[in-house]
Structures are given as structure tokens and as C-alpha cells.
């Protein structure tokens, strides 16, 4: 059964489609927290949740404390709902800076929220320390929230990762992954092997970027009958990168 055939609003159908869910079977095992993690932060998911709950397609997360079960002012509760927070544990995925920018969260409600977090042992961390640490490595600024979400606070946290792990941290942003990879490599990080390779692990950055830009090729496995040795050999024996790629990709 397709999502499109569900008895939910067109907005909810569009929202699910935007995160790649098109079949009802893909909702199996999903709960509120796993679903909201697929959406941008501060996305108001409550209408979608209510519709899916009414149809029995969304499981409540286990061992989670709902904001409806915690004594708090209606103003704070509404502010949390508007910003997509339905369970207390979600707050730890937000930085202090994020929370201060929650809509309709005033000084009094911030103090109230801090008291609740203290009572339930929920730590709200600042992103400032991450920025201060990684600024010296000239990391792209857009990666800081991703590092925060993945509890990465120093360069050693990248040890024993694969480049695919880095790609997931960068939320499947190939350009950001490549840029971060070379910064880490310059600073002594050696990535573990995995079942494939990104082109930038094999080729110089300029050539890898060109392959991505012109042919949307970013993985070694995307080139038929090719491996790391063949790719490097083709480049070394060819007069130009373009000629080597033309032969490897069978471009007329």
C-alpha cells in the first residue's frame, strides 16, 4: 500500500514523501523519535504524528518521558511542541544555542525548562566549545551542528571511523565529506577500510571533484569493472584525466 493511499492530509503525504517514505510498509517499526530525526530540526511534526497515531501506524517510543507527563506550564509545552519536541530525551540533541532560538520561548520558560532538565538529569550542551576547538582546523562551519549531533568534540573522535561513517555524519553531503576528509587527513587521521571507496580516497581532490561534477560519480563501485589499482593505472598511462575517464566510463 502506498502512502498516497492513506487517509491522511496532503501535507502529511508530502512531508513523508520529502523524507523518502512512499510505502506504508516503510512505517513499520517507526516511532515518533525515529521519524522526527528524519526531518529538519524545529519541524512541527505534531499534525503528522497525530494522523499516523490515529491510524495505528506509529508506535510510541519505549522508555521515554512524554512532555505531557511532566508538570510544566502550557506556554512551555506549546513552545516545545511547536519546535518538534514531544519527549524529554530529545532535548539533549539540541544545543543551548538551538534552544534559545526556539520560537515562543521566553526568559521565564527557559528557566522553567532548565529546572525540568535538571530534575530529569538531561544535559543541554553548548556548541560553542565545538566551534572553538575545530576552528583551528578550518572546518566548514556547516559541519558544526552535525558534529554536535554525533557527540564529536575533538579530532581524535574520528579515529577508527571509515569514510562512509564520515559521509553519514555529514548527512550524505558529498562535497562536505570530501572537504572534511582532506582536513582530517592533513591532521593525521587515517580512516579504516570499508567495502567500497569514495573517489576522493583514490584520486586527488581536484580530479575527484571533477568526476562528481561532470558525471555524478563519487564511489569506486560506480565505475564498472574498476578497482583502485585500475583507476590509478589508467590515470598514469593516459595523457589526460579526461581521456582516462572517457575510456573507463566508455564515453563516446
C-alpha atoms as a PDB file:
ATOM      1  CA  UNK A   1       0.000   0.000   0.000  1.00  0.00           C
ATOM      2  CA  UNK A   2       1.283   3.441  -0.906  1.00  0.00           C
ATOM      3  CA  UNK A   3       1.476   6.404   1.483  1.00  0.00           C
ATOM      4  CA  UNK A   4      -0.508   8.280  -1.137  1.00  0.00           C
ATOM      5  CA  UNK A   5      -3.461   5.958  -0.466  1.00  0.00           C
ATOM      6  CA  UNK A   6      -3.543   6.614   3.292  1.00  0.00           C
ATOM      7  CA  UNK A   7      -6.397   8.627   4.754  1.00  0.00           C
ATOM      8  CA  UNK A   8      -4.173  11.498   5.854  1.00  0.00           C
ATOM      9  CA  UNK A   9      -3.847  15.106   4.736  1.00  0.00           C
ATOM     10  CA  UNK A  10      -1.980  16.075   1.588  1.00  0.00           C
ATOM     11  CA  UNK A  11       0.504  17.989   3.770  1.00  0.00           C
ATOM     12  CA  UNK A  12       1.321  14.816   5.698  1.00  0.00           C
ATOM     13  CA  UNK A  13       1.700  12.834   2.488  1.00  0.00           C
ATOM     14  CA  UNK A  14       4.057  15.473   1.103  1.00  0.00           C
ATOM     15  CA  UNK A  15       6.039  15.509   4.352  1.00  0.00           C
ATOM     16  CA  UNK A  16       6.552  11.740   4.260  1.00  0.00           C
ATOM     17  CA  UNK A  17       7.488  11.875   0.595  1.00  0.00           C
ATOM     18  CA  UNK A  18      10.080  14.574   1.333  1.00  0.00           C
ATOM     19  CA  UNK A  19      11.983  12.146   3.588  1.00  0.00           C
ATOM     20  CA  UNK A  20      11.758   9.301   1.101  1.00  0.00           C
ATOM     21  CA  UNK A  21       8.831   7.361   2.577  1.00  0.00           C
ATOM     22  CA  UNK A  22       6.396   6.339  -0.149  1.00  0.00           C
ATOM     23  CA  UNK A  23       5.131   2.937   1.038  1.00  0.00           C
ATOM     24  CA  UNK A  24       3.131   2.179   4.191  1.00  0.00           C
ATOM     25  CA  UNK A  25       5.429  -0.782   4.878  1.00  0.00           C
ATOM     26  CA  UNK A  26       8.270   1.708   5.412  1.00  0.00           C
ATOM     27  CA  UNK A  27       6.483   2.981   8.525  1.00  0.00           C
ATOM     28  CA  UNK A  28       6.943  -0.402  10.221  1.00  0.00           C
ATOM     29  CA  UNK A  29       8.969  -0.062  13.400  1.00  0.00           C
ATOM     30  CA  UNK A  30       8.966   3.728  13.254  1.00  0.00           C
ATOM     31  CA  UNK A  31       8.177   5.730  16.356  1.00  0.00           C
ATOM     32  CA  UNK A  32       7.917   9.435  16.968  1.00  0.00           C
ATOM     33  CA  UNK A  33      11.604   9.960  17.696  1.00  0.00           C
ATOM     34  CA  UNK A  34      12.947   7.876  14.813  1.00  0.00           C
ATOM     35  CA  UNK A  35      10.559   9.657  12.464  1.00  0.00           C
ATOM     36  CA  UNK A  36      11.276  13.201  13.594  1.00  0.00           C
ATOM     37  CA  UNK A  37      15.006  12.571  13.288  1.00  0.00           C
ATOM     38  CA  UNK A  38      14.436  12.319   9.548  1.00  0.00           C
ATOM     39  CA  UNK A  39      13.048  15.858   9.417  1.00  0.00           C
ATOM     40  CA  UNK A  40      14.845  19.189   9.781  1.00  0.00           C
ATOM     41  CA  UNK A  41      15.094  20.425  13.340  1.00  0.00           C
ATOM     42  CA  UNK A  42      12.222  22.587  14.583  1.00  0.00           C
ATOM     43  CA  UNK A  43       9.873  20.985  12.063  1.00  0.00           C
ATOM     44  CA  UNK A  44       6.376  20.861  13.562  1.00  0.00           C
ATOM     45  CA  UNK A  45       5.633  17.187  13.171  1.00  0.00           C
ATOM     46  CA  UNK A  46       2.682  17.030  15.576  1.00  0.00           C
ATOM     47  CA  UNK A  47      -0.109  17.069  12.911  1.00  0.00           C
ATOM     48  CA  UNK A  48       1.587  14.224  11.027  1.00  0.00           C
ATOM     49  CA  UNK A  49       2.137  12.259  14.238  1.00  0.00           C
ATOM     50  CA  UNK A  50      -1.496  12.658  15.261  1.00  0.00           C
ATOM     51  CA  UNK A  51      -2.736  11.410  11.904  1.00  0.00           C
ATOM     52  CA  UNK A  52      -0.435   8.392  11.873  1.00  0.00           C
ATOM     53  CA  UNK A  53      -1.255   7.597  15.504  1.00  0.00           C
ATOM     54  CA  UNK A  54      -4.976   7.694  14.737  1.00  0.00           C
ATOM     55  CA  UNK A  55      -4.438   5.079  12.028  1.00  0.00           C
ATOM     56  CA  UNK A  56      -2.199   2.944  14.247  1.00  0.00           C
ATOM     57  CA  UNK A  57       0.875   3.334  12.066  1.00  0.00           C
ATOM     58  CA  UNK A  58       3.208   4.879  14.616  1.00  0.00           C
ATOM     59  CA  UNK A  59       4.497   3.208  17.764  1.00  0.00           C
ATOM     60  CA  UNK A  60       5.216   5.211  20.911  1.00  0.00           C
ATOM     61  CA  UNK A  61       8.927   5.093  21.774  1.00  0.00           C
ATOM     62  CA  UNK A  62       9.741   2.827  24.701  1.00  0.00           C
ATOM     63  CA  UNK A  63      11.198   4.117  27.980  1.00  0.00           C
ATOM     64  CA  UNK A  64      10.651   7.740  27.002  1.00  0.00           C
ATOM     65  CA  UNK A  65       9.088  10.509  29.073  1.00  0.00           C
ATOM     66  CA  UNK A  66       6.443  12.430  27.179  1.00  0.00           C
ATOM     67  CA  UNK A  67       6.234  16.168  27.766  1.00  0.00           C
ATOM     68  CA  UNK A  68       2.538  15.572  28.510  1.00  0.00           C
ATOM     69  CA  UNK A  69       3.573  13.533  31.563  1.00  0.00           C
ATOM     70  CA  UNK A  70       5.797  16.261  33.002  1.00  0.00           C
ATOM     71  CA  UNK A  71       4.302  19.129  35.024  1.00  0.00           C
ATOM     72  CA  UNK A  72       5.025  22.312  33.080  1.00  0.00           C
ATOM     73  CA  UNK A  73       3.310  25.487  32.022  1.00  0.00           C
ATOM     74  CA  UNK A  74       1.094  25.418  28.962  1.00  0.00           C
ATOM     75  CA  UNK A  75       3.326  28.058  27.385  1.00  0.00           C
ATOM     76  CA  UNK A  76       6.411  25.854  27.679  1.00  0.00           C
ATOM     77  CA  UNK A  77       4.543  22.782  26.485  1.00  0.00           C
ATOM     78  CA  UNK A  78       3.262  24.612  23.413  1.00  0.00           C
ATOM     79  CA  UNK A  79       6.716  26.007  22.659  1.00  0.00           C
ATOM     80  CA  UNK A  80       8.246  22.525  22.794  1.00  0.00           C
ATOM     81  CA  UNK A  81       5.519  21.075  20.571  1.00  0.00           C
ATOM     82  CA  UNK A  82       5.957  23.860  18.007  1.00  0.00           C
ATOM     83  CA  UNK A  83       9.638  23.014  17.846  1.00  0.00           C
ATOM     84  CA  UNK A  84       9.074  19.287  17.415  1.00  0.00           C
ATOM     85  CA  UNK A  85       9.923  18.215  20.968  1.00  0.00           C
ATOM     86  CA  UNK A  86       7.491  15.634  22.304  1.00  0.00           C
ATOM     87  CA  UNK A  87       9.813  13.646  24.596  1.00  0.00           C
ATOM     88  CA  UNK A  88      12.311  14.962  27.122  1.00  0.00           C
ATOM     89  CA  UNK A  89      15.207  12.924  25.742  1.00  0.00           C
ATOM     90  CA  UNK A  90      15.000  14.908  22.503  1.00  0.00           C
ATOM     91  CA  UNK A  91      16.248  17.996  24.302  1.00  0.00           C
ATOM     92  CA  UNK A  92      19.744  16.547  24.622  1.00  0.00           C
ATOM     93  CA  UNK A  93      20.059  16.554  20.824  1.00  0.00           C
ATOM     94  CA  UNK A  94      19.692  20.339  20.819  1.00  0.00           C
ATOM     95  CA  UNK A  95      22.442  22.734  21.781  1.00  0.00           C
ATOM     96  CA  UNK A  96      21.844  25.583  24.208  1.00  0.00           C
ATOM     97  CA  UNK A  97      22.062  27.911  21.244  1.00  0.00           C
ATOM     98  CA  UNK A  98      19.331  25.969  19.411  1.00  0.00           C
ATOM     99  CA  UNK A  99      17.002  26.056  22.397  1.00  0.00           C
ATOM    100  CA  UNK A 100      17.488  29.775  22.927  1.00  0.00           C
ATOM    101  CA  UNK A 101      16.176  30.236  19.390  1.00  0.00           C
ATOM    102  CA  UNK A 102      13.057  28.137  19.940  1.00  0.00           C
ATOM    103  CA  UNK A 103      10.002  30.102  18.913  1.00  0.00           C
ATOM    104  CA  UNK A 104       7.869  31.475  21.749  1.00  0.00           C
ATOM    105  CA  UNK A 105      10.383  30.503  24.413  1.00  0.00           C
ATOM    106  CA  UNK A 106      10.821  33.488  26.712  1.00  0.00           C
ATOM    107  CA  UNK A 107      13.093  34.069  29.686  1.00  0.00           C
ATOM    108  CA  UNK A 108      10.675  32.543  32.205  1.00  0.00           C
ATOM    109  CA  UNK A 109      10.022  29.442  30.134  1.00  0.00           C
ATOM    110  CA  UNK A 110      13.761  28.951  29.595  1.00  0.00           C
ATOM    111  CA  UNK A 111      14.276  28.974  33.363  1.00  0.00           C
ATOM    112  CA  UNK A 112      11.392  26.539  33.746  1.00  0.00           C
ATOM    113  CA  UNK A 113      12.904  24.260  31.105  1.00  0.00           C
ATOM    114  CA  UNK A 114      16.310  24.361  32.800  1.00  0.00           C
ATOM    115  CA  UNK A 115      14.711  23.266  36.076  1.00  0.00           C
ATOM    116  CA  UNK A 116      12.940  20.370  34.347  1.00  0.00           C
ATOM    117  CA  UNK A 117      16.164  19.261  32.659  1.00  0.00           C
ATOM    118  CA  UNK A 118      17.975  19.368  35.986  1.00  0.00           C
ATOM    119  CA  UNK A 119      15.232  17.352  37.659  1.00  0.00           C
ATOM    120  CA  UNK A 120      15.295  14.659  34.961  1.00  0.00           C
ATOM    121  CA  UNK A 121      19.103  14.646  34.523  1.00  0.00           C
ATOM    122  CA  UNK A 122      19.015  15.909  30.960  1.00  0.00           C
ATOM    123  CA  UNK A 123      22.205  17.646  29.895  1.00  0.00           C
ATOM    124  CA  UNK A 124      21.930  20.565  27.497  1.00  0.00           C
ATOM    125  CA  UNK A 125      25.333  21.175  25.934  1.00  0.00           C
ATOM    126  CA  UNK A 126      26.696  24.231  24.194  1.00  0.00           C
ATOM    127  CA  UNK A 127      28.014  24.168  20.637  1.00  0.00           C
ATOM    128  CA  UNK A 128      30.483  26.920  21.482  1.00  0.00           C
ATOM    129  CA  UNK A 129      33.151  24.510  22.738  1.00  0.00           C
ATOM    130  CA  UNK A 130      32.937  22.504  19.496  1.00  0.00           C
ATOM    131  CA  UNK A 131      33.335  25.646  17.410  1.00  0.00           C
ATOM    132  CA  UNK A 132      36.256  26.872  19.479  1.00  0.00           C
ATOM    133  CA  UNK A 133      38.045  23.528  19.203  1.00  0.00           C
ATOM    134  CA  UNK A 134      37.535  22.857  15.485  1.00  0.00           C
ATOM    135  CA  UNK A 135      38.027  26.434  14.266  1.00  0.00           C
ATOM    136  CA  UNK A 136      41.802  25.965  14.357  1.00  0.00           C
ATOM    137  CA  UNK A 137      41.465  23.177  11.783  1.00  0.00           C
ATOM    138  CA  UNK A 138      39.415  25.420   9.460  1.00  0.00           C
ATOM    139  CA  UNK A 139      36.452  23.072   9.374  1.00  0.00           C
ATOM    140  CA  UNK A 140      33.466  24.227   7.293  1.00  0.00           C
ATOM    141  CA  UNK A 141      31.059  25.978   9.648  1.00  0.00           C
ATOM    142  CA  UNK A 142      28.072  23.966   8.387  1.00  0.00           C
ATOM    143  CA  UNK A 143      29.535  20.786   9.883  1.00  0.00           C
ATOM    144  CA  UNK A 144      29.425  22.001  13.497  1.00  0.00           C
ATOM    145  CA  UNK A 145      25.782  21.051  14.161  1.00  0.00           C
ATOM    146  CA  UNK A 146      26.494  17.624  12.647  1.00  0.00           C
ATOM    147  CA  UNK A 147      29.485  17.131  14.937  1.00  0.00           C
ATOM    148  CA  UNK A 148      27.333  18.168  17.875  1.00  0.00           C
ATOM    149  CA  UNK A 149      24.596  15.692  16.968  1.00  0.00           C
ATOM    150  CA  UNK A 150      27.157  12.882  16.716  1.00  0.00           C
ATOM    151  CA  UNK A 151      28.895  13.746  20.011  1.00  0.00           C
ATOM    152  CA  UNK A 152      32.175  14.567  18.278  1.00  0.00           C
ATOM    153  CA  UNK A 153      34.112  17.046  20.372  1.00  0.00           C
ATOM    154  CA  UNK A 154      37.737  16.539  19.298  1.00  0.00           C
ATOM    155  CA  UNK A 155      39.676  15.326  16.286  1.00  0.00           C
ATOM    156  CA  UNK A 156      40.542  12.018  17.956  1.00  0.00           C
ATOM    157  CA  UNK A 157      36.841  11.126  17.855  1.00  0.00           C
ATOM    158  CA  UNK A 158      37.313  10.472  14.134  1.00  0.00           C
ATOM    159  CA  UNK A 159      39.808   7.682  14.773  1.00  0.00           C
ATOM    160  CA  UNK A 160      38.659   4.173  13.801  1.00  0.00           C
ATOM    161  CA  UNK A 161      35.977   5.586  11.522  1.00  0.00           C
ATOM    162  CA  UNK A 162      35.504   4.779   7.858  1.00  0.00           C
ATOM    163  CA  UNK A 163      34.924   7.444   5.252  1.00  0.00           C
ATOM    164  CA  UNK A 164      31.390   6.112   4.987  1.00  0.00           C
ATOM    165  CA  UNK A 165      30.937   6.936   8.687  1.00  0.00           C
ATOM    166  CA  UNK A 166      32.120  10.447   7.870  1.00  0.00           C
ATOM    167  CA  UNK A 167      29.681  10.620   4.948  1.00  0.00           C
ATOM    168  CA  UNK A 168      26.807   9.732   7.280  1.00  0.00           C
ATOM    169  CA  UNK A 169      27.953  12.328   9.822  1.00  0.00           C
ATOM    170  CA  UNK A 170      27.943  14.883   7.001  1.00  0.00           C
ATOM    171  CA  UNK A 171      24.346  13.848   6.250  1.00  0.00           C
ATOM    172  CA  UNK A 172      25.223  12.425   2.825  1.00  0.00           C
ATOM    173  CA  UNK A 173      26.705  15.717   1.661  1.00  0.00           C
ATOM    174  CA  UNK A 174      29.475  14.527  -0.667  1.00  0.00           C
ATOM    175  CA  UNK A 175      31.178  17.887  -1.074  1.00  0.00           C
ATOM    176  CA  UNK A 176      31.247  18.461   2.690  1.00  0.00           C
ATOM    177  CA  UNK A 177      32.516  14.913   3.262  1.00  0.00           C
ATOM    178  CA  UNK A 178      35.351  15.386   0.781  1.00  0.00           C
ATOM    179  CA  UNK A 179      36.336  18.742   2.248  1.00  0.00           C
ATOM    180  CA  UNK A 180      36.309  17.367   5.798  1.00  0.00           C
ATOM    181  CA  UNK A 181      38.164  14.213   4.749  1.00  0.00           C
ATOM    182  CA  UNK A 182      41.158  16.152   3.427  1.00  0.00           C
ATOM    183  CA  UNK A 183      41.279  18.365   6.522  1.00  0.00           C
ATOM    184  CA  UNK A 184      41.304  15.290   8.744  1.00  0.00           C
ATOM    185  CA  UNK A 185      43.873  13.547   6.569  1.00  0.00           C
ATOM    186  CA  UNK A 186      46.171  16.572   6.765  1.00  0.00           C
ATOM    187  CA  UNK A 187      45.905  16.333  10.541  1.00  0.00           C
ATOM    188  CA  UNK A 188      46.899  12.702  10.813  1.00  0.00           C
ATOM    189  CA  UNK A 189      43.563  10.888  10.763  1.00  0.00           C
ATOM    190  CA  UNK A 190      43.742   7.542   8.951  1.00  0.00           C
ATOM    191  CA  UNK A 191      40.366   6.078   8.074  1.00  0.00           C
ATOM    192  CA  UNK A 192      39.581   2.384   8.359  1.00  0.00           C
ATOM    193  CA  UNK A 193      38.856   0.348   5.232  1.00  0.00           C
ATOM    194  CA  UNK A 194      35.295  -0.479   4.241  1.00  0.00           C
ATOM    195  CA  UNK A 195      33.674  -2.413   1.395  1.00  0.00           C
ATOM    196  CA  UNK A 196      33.876   0.462  -1.088  1.00  0.00           C
ATOM    197  CA  UNK A 197      35.865   3.648  -1.596  1.00  0.00           C
ATOM    198  CA  UNK A 198      34.931   7.205  -2.333  1.00  0.00           C
ATOM    199  CA  UNK A 199      36.683   8.558  -5.406  1.00  0.00           C
ATOM    200  CA  UNK A 200      38.439  11.198  -3.304  1.00  0.00           C
ATOM    201  CA  UNK A 201      40.128   8.372  -1.350  1.00  0.00           C
ATOM    202  CA  UNK A 202      41.773   7.247  -4.581  1.00  0.00           C
ATOM    203  CA  UNK A 203      42.227  10.371  -6.696  1.00  0.00           C
ATOM    204  CA  UNK A 204      43.486  13.883  -5.977  1.00  0.00           C
ATOM    205  CA  UNK A 205      40.800  16.249  -4.723  1.00  0.00           C
ATOM    206  CA  UNK A 206      40.614  18.188  -7.997  1.00  0.00           C
ATOM    207  CA  UNK A 207      40.022  15.062 -10.089  1.00  0.00           C
ATOM    208  CA  UNK A 208      37.527  13.616  -7.622  1.00  0.00           C
ATOM    209  CA  UNK A 209      35.575  16.872  -7.643  1.00  0.00           C
ATOM    210  CA  UNK A 210      35.563  16.883 -11.447  1.00  0.00           C
ATOM    211  CA  UNK A 211      34.230  13.329 -11.637  1.00  0.00           C
ATOM    212  CA  UNK A 212      31.438  14.251  -9.250  1.00  0.00           C
ATOM    213  CA  UNK A 213      30.595  17.495 -11.017  1.00  0.00           C
ATOM    214  CA  UNK A 214      30.604  16.132 -14.574  1.00  0.00           C
ATOM    215  CA  UNK A 215      29.441  12.543 -14.134  1.00  0.00           C
ATOM    216  CA  UNK A 216      27.929  12.342 -10.612  1.00  0.00           C
ATOM    217  CA  UNK A 217      30.390   9.572  -9.793  1.00  0.00           C
ATOM    218  CA  UNK A 218      31.599   9.551  -6.225  1.00  0.00           C
ATOM    219  CA  UNK A 219      32.067   5.852  -5.421  1.00  0.00           C
ATOM    220  CA  UNK A 220      34.580   3.453  -6.924  1.00  0.00           C
ATOM    221  CA  UNK A 221      31.817   0.868  -7.310  1.00  0.00           C
ATOM    222  CA  UNK A 222      30.017   3.195  -9.732  1.00  0.00           C
ATOM    223  CA  UNK A 223      32.690   2.578 -12.369  1.00  0.00           C
ATOM    224  CA  UNK A 224      32.074  -0.849 -13.977  1.00  0.00           C
ATOM    225  CA  UNK A 225      34.895  -3.403 -13.769  1.00  0.00           C
ATOM    226  CA  UNK A 226      37.133  -0.968 -11.954  1.00  0.00           C
ATOM    227  CA  UNK A 227      39.140  -1.039  -8.759  1.00  0.00           C
ATOM    228  CA  UNK A 228      41.599   1.293  -7.085  1.00  0.00           C
ATOM    229  CA  UNK A 229      44.582  -0.150  -8.982  1.00  0.00           C
ATOM    230  CA  UNK A 230      42.897   0.071 -12.400  1.00  0.00           C
ATOM    231  CA  UNK A 231      41.786   3.646 -11.762  1.00  0.00           C
ATOM    232  CA  UNK A 232      45.258   4.803 -10.768  1.00  0.00           C
ATOM    233  CA  UNK A 233      46.864   2.858 -13.607  1.00  0.00           C
ATOM    234  CA  UNK A 234      44.506   4.410 -16.156  1.00  0.00           C
ATOM    235  CA  UNK A 235      45.424   7.874 -14.990  1.00  0.00           C
ATOM    236  CA  UNK A 236      49.156   7.242 -15.016  1.00  0.00           C
ATOM    237  CA  UNK A 237      49.102   5.768 -18.535  1.00  0.00           C
ATOM    238  CA  UNK A 238      46.823   8.394 -20.069  1.00  0.00           C
ATOM    239  CA  UNK A 239      47.732  11.783 -21.468  1.00  0.00           C
ATOM    240  CA  UNK A 240      44.937  13.472 -19.558  1.00  0.00           C
ATOM    241  CA  UNK A 241      42.390  12.878 -16.838  1.00  0.00           C
ATOM    242  CA  UNK A 242      39.561  13.478 -19.316  1.00  0.00           C
ATOM    243  CA  UNK A 243      40.919  10.830 -21.695  1.00  0.00           C
ATOM    244  CA  UNK A 244      41.301   8.315 -18.876  1.00  0.00           C
ATOM    245  CA  UNK A 245      37.741   8.888 -17.705  1.00  0.00           C
ATOM    246  CA  UNK A 246      36.431   8.672 -21.250  1.00  0.00           C
ATOM    247  CA  UNK A 247      37.953   5.223 -21.602  1.00  0.00           C
ATOM    248  CA  UNK A 248      36.923   3.971 -18.162  1.00  0.00           C
ATOM    249  CA  UNK A 249      33.355   5.216 -18.464  1.00  0.00           C
ATOM    250  CA  UNK A 250      33.044   4.201 -22.123  1.00  0.00           C
ATOM    251  CA  UNK A 251      32.035   7.728 -23.070  1.00  0.00           C
ATOM    252  CA  UNK A 252      31.690   8.249 -26.799  1.00  0.00           C
END
